[in-house]
Protein backbone atom coordinates (compact mmCIF):
# COMPACT_ATOMS: atom_id res chain seq x y z
CA MET A 1 -106.76 -10.71 -85.84
CA LEU A 2 -108.15 -7.83 -87.91
CA ASN A 3 -106.09 -5.31 -85.91
CA GLU A 4 -102.93 -7.37 -86.45
CA PHE A 5 -103.59 -7.47 -90.19
CA LYS A 6 -104.19 -3.70 -90.20
CA LYS A 7 -100.85 -3.13 -88.42
CA PHE A 8 -99.09 -5.43 -90.88
CA ALA A 9 -100.69 -3.85 -93.96
CA MET A 10 -99.95 -0.30 -92.87
CA ARG A 11 -96.26 -0.85 -92.14
CA GLY A 12 -93.99 1.18 -94.39
CA ASN A 13 -92.38 -1.77 -96.14
CA VAL A 14 -95.69 -3.33 -97.18
CA VAL A 15 -97.06 -0.06 -98.52
CA ASP A 16 -93.79 0.63 -100.39
CA MET A 17 -93.87 -2.86 -101.86
CA ALA A 18 -97.49 -2.44 -103.00
CA VAL A 19 -96.68 0.87 -104.69
CA GLY A 20 -93.67 -0.75 -106.37
CA ILE A 21 -95.75 -3.64 -107.69
CA ILE A 22 -98.40 -1.28 -109.09
CA ILE A 23 -95.82 0.95 -110.78
CA GLY A 24 -93.95 -2.13 -112.04
CA GLY A 25 -97.12 -3.50 -113.61
CA ALA A 26 -97.80 -0.20 -115.36
CA PHE A 27 -94.18 0.03 -116.51
CA THR A 28 -94.30 -3.52 -117.87
CA THR A 29 -97.40 -2.67 -119.90
CA ILE A 30 -95.62 0.35 -121.39
CA VAL A 31 -92.54 -1.73 -122.23
CA LYS A 32 -94.69 -4.46 -123.86
CA SER A 33 -96.33 -1.85 -126.05
CA MET A 34 -92.96 -0.30 -126.89
CA VAL A 35 -91.55 -3.68 -127.95
CA ALA A 36 -94.61 -4.84 -129.90
CA ASP A 37 -95.52 -1.50 -131.49
CA ILE A 38 -92.24 0.43 -131.85
CA ILE A 39 -89.17 -1.85 -131.70
CA MET A 40 -90.29 -5.04 -133.45
CA PRO A 41 -91.98 -3.56 -136.59
CA PRO A 42 -88.74 -1.96 -137.90
CA ILE A 43 -86.79 -5.13 -137.05
CA GLY A 44 -89.43 -7.15 -138.91
CA ILE A 45 -89.17 -4.88 -141.96
CA MET A 46 -85.36 -5.23 -141.94
CA MET A 47 -85.81 -9.01 -141.88
CA GLY A 48 -88.02 -8.99 -144.97
CA GLY A 49 -91.42 -7.87 -143.69
CA VAL A 50 -91.76 -10.41 -140.89
CA ASP A 51 -94.33 -9.74 -138.17
CA PHE A 52 -92.87 -11.37 -135.07
CA ALA A 53 -96.30 -11.71 -133.46
CA ASP A 54 -97.27 -14.05 -136.33
CA LEU A 55 -94.25 -16.34 -136.14
CA PHE A 56 -95.49 -19.77 -135.09
CA VAL A 57 -95.17 -23.47 -135.78
CA THR A 58 -98.31 -25.57 -136.14
CA ILE A 59 -98.15 -28.73 -134.03
CA LYS A 60 -101.65 -29.96 -134.82
CA GLU A 61 -103.97 -28.57 -137.46
CA GLY A 62 -107.31 -27.20 -136.42
CA THR A 63 -110.62 -28.99 -136.66
CA GLU A 64 -112.36 -26.05 -138.37
CA VAL A 65 -109.94 -25.32 -141.24
CA ALA A 66 -106.83 -27.17 -142.40
CA GLY A 67 -103.50 -25.33 -142.62
CA PRO A 68 -101.35 -23.64 -143.72
CA TYR A 69 -102.55 -20.58 -141.84
CA VAL A 70 -101.93 -17.00 -142.91
CA ASN A 71 -101.30 -15.72 -139.40
CA LEU A 72 -101.57 -16.72 -135.76
CA ALA A 73 -105.10 -15.35 -135.41
CA ALA A 74 -106.29 -17.59 -138.28
CA ALA A 75 -104.59 -20.63 -136.71
CA LYS A 76 -106.21 -19.93 -133.33
CA ALA A 77 -109.60 -19.40 -134.97
CA ALA A 78 -109.26 -22.77 -136.70
CA GLY A 79 -108.46 -24.42 -133.38
CA ALA A 80 -104.87 -25.31 -134.33
CA VAL A 81 -102.29 -26.09 -131.65
CA THR A 82 -99.27 -23.85 -132.17
CA ILE A 83 -95.90 -22.93 -130.70
CA ASN A 84 -95.83 -19.13 -130.78
CA TYR A 85 -92.10 -18.41 -130.86
CA GLY A 86 -92.59 -14.89 -132.26
CA THR A 87 -94.64 -13.90 -129.22
CA PHE A 88 -91.96 -15.51 -127.05
CA ILE A 89 -89.27 -13.38 -128.74
CA ASN A 90 -91.34 -10.24 -128.02
CA THR A 91 -91.72 -11.31 -124.38
CA VAL A 92 -87.99 -11.98 -123.98
CA ILE A 93 -87.13 -8.54 -125.39
CA SER A 94 -89.69 -6.95 -123.04
CA PHE A 95 -88.16 -8.80 -120.10
CA ILE A 96 -84.64 -7.67 -121.02
CA ILE A 97 -85.76 -4.04 -121.20
CA VAL A 98 -87.60 -4.24 -117.84
CA ALA A 99 -84.69 -6.07 -116.19
CA PHE A 100 -82.18 -3.51 -117.51
CA SER A 101 -84.38 -0.63 -116.33
CA VAL A 102 -84.69 -2.13 -112.84
CA PHE A 103 -80.93 -2.75 -112.79
CA MET A 104 -80.25 0.90 -113.66
CA LEU A 105 -82.73 2.08 -111.00
CA ILE A 106 -81.12 -0.08 -108.29
CA LYS A 107 -77.63 0.96 -109.40
CA GLY A 108 -78.62 4.63 -109.14
CA MET A 109 -80.16 4.11 -105.70
CA ASN A 110 -77.03 2.26 -104.49
CA ASN A 111 -74.81 5.10 -105.75
CA MET A 112 -76.95 7.66 -103.90
CA LYS A 113 -76.87 5.53 -100.74
CA ARG A 114 -73.09 5.12 -100.99
CA LYS A 115 -72.65 8.90 -101.32
CA GLU A 116 -74.84 9.45 -98.24
CA GLU A 117 -72.79 6.92 -96.25
CA GLU A 118 -69.53 8.54 -97.35
CA ALA A 119 -70.81 12.02 -96.47
CA ALA A 120 -72.03 11.07 -92.98
CA PRO A 121 -69.13 10.91 -90.51
CA ALA A 122 -68.89 7.75 -88.43
CA GLU A 123 -69.91 8.12 -84.80
CA PRO A 124 -66.97 7.91 -82.41
CA THR A 125 -66.54 4.69 -80.45
CA THR A 126 -63.88 5.99 -78.04
CA LYS A 127 -63.21 9.06 -75.95
CA GLU A 128 -60.21 10.44 -74.15
CA CYS A 129 -59.79 10.18 -70.39
CA PRO A 130 -59.38 13.75 -69.07
CA HIS A 131 -56.99 12.55 -66.34
CA CYS A 132 -54.49 10.26 -68.11
CA ILE A 133 -55.30 11.09 -71.77
CA SER A 134 -55.71 7.41 -72.76
CA GLN A 135 -58.39 6.20 -75.18
CA ILE A 136 -61.38 4.49 -73.54
CA ALA A 137 -64.76 3.18 -74.69
CA ILE A 138 -67.35 5.91 -75.19
CA LYS A 139 -69.77 4.30 -72.70
CA ALA A 140 -67.12 3.80 -69.99
CA THR A 141 -67.81 5.39 -66.60
CA ARG A 142 -64.34 4.63 -65.21
CA CYS A 143 -60.94 4.73 -66.94
CA PRO A 144 -59.29 1.28 -67.10
CA SER A 145 -55.83 2.85 -67.05
CA CYS A 146 -56.00 5.32 -64.15
CA THR A 147 -59.30 4.16 -62.59
CA SER A 148 -60.62 7.69 -62.45
CA GLU A 149 -64.39 8.11 -62.46
CA LEU A 150 -65.70 9.86 -65.56
CA ALA A 151 -68.63 12.21 -65.72
């Protein structure tokens, strides 16, 4: 059983998939930081100094301190139950950026693959009988038209 698992784990597809998952995780972390630290602050300033990470609705006030809460961290510290729609907006924007990046990567790979397929000539499926000059299957050993044996 261990040998079977080793064979499975060392196949090219599994290793490629593992590398893709690791790189995807690192890329997602970079995109999250880009959204939270670079994209959303200017958008928040344009919208009147809003910090999207602190946009929330209090469902139930905390047991420690009663609301209203200055920011999400204060609400969490007080034990309040909140709907964090600002964090959700950040996550949606991160997802859109990652999805678009993956789309562009796949599109580029498909274009490269298409160019390779166009460049490679198709293998012939027929050949010509040297005796009667008719077209026959490439694997044929005898011509169906003149019944000559083919080398």
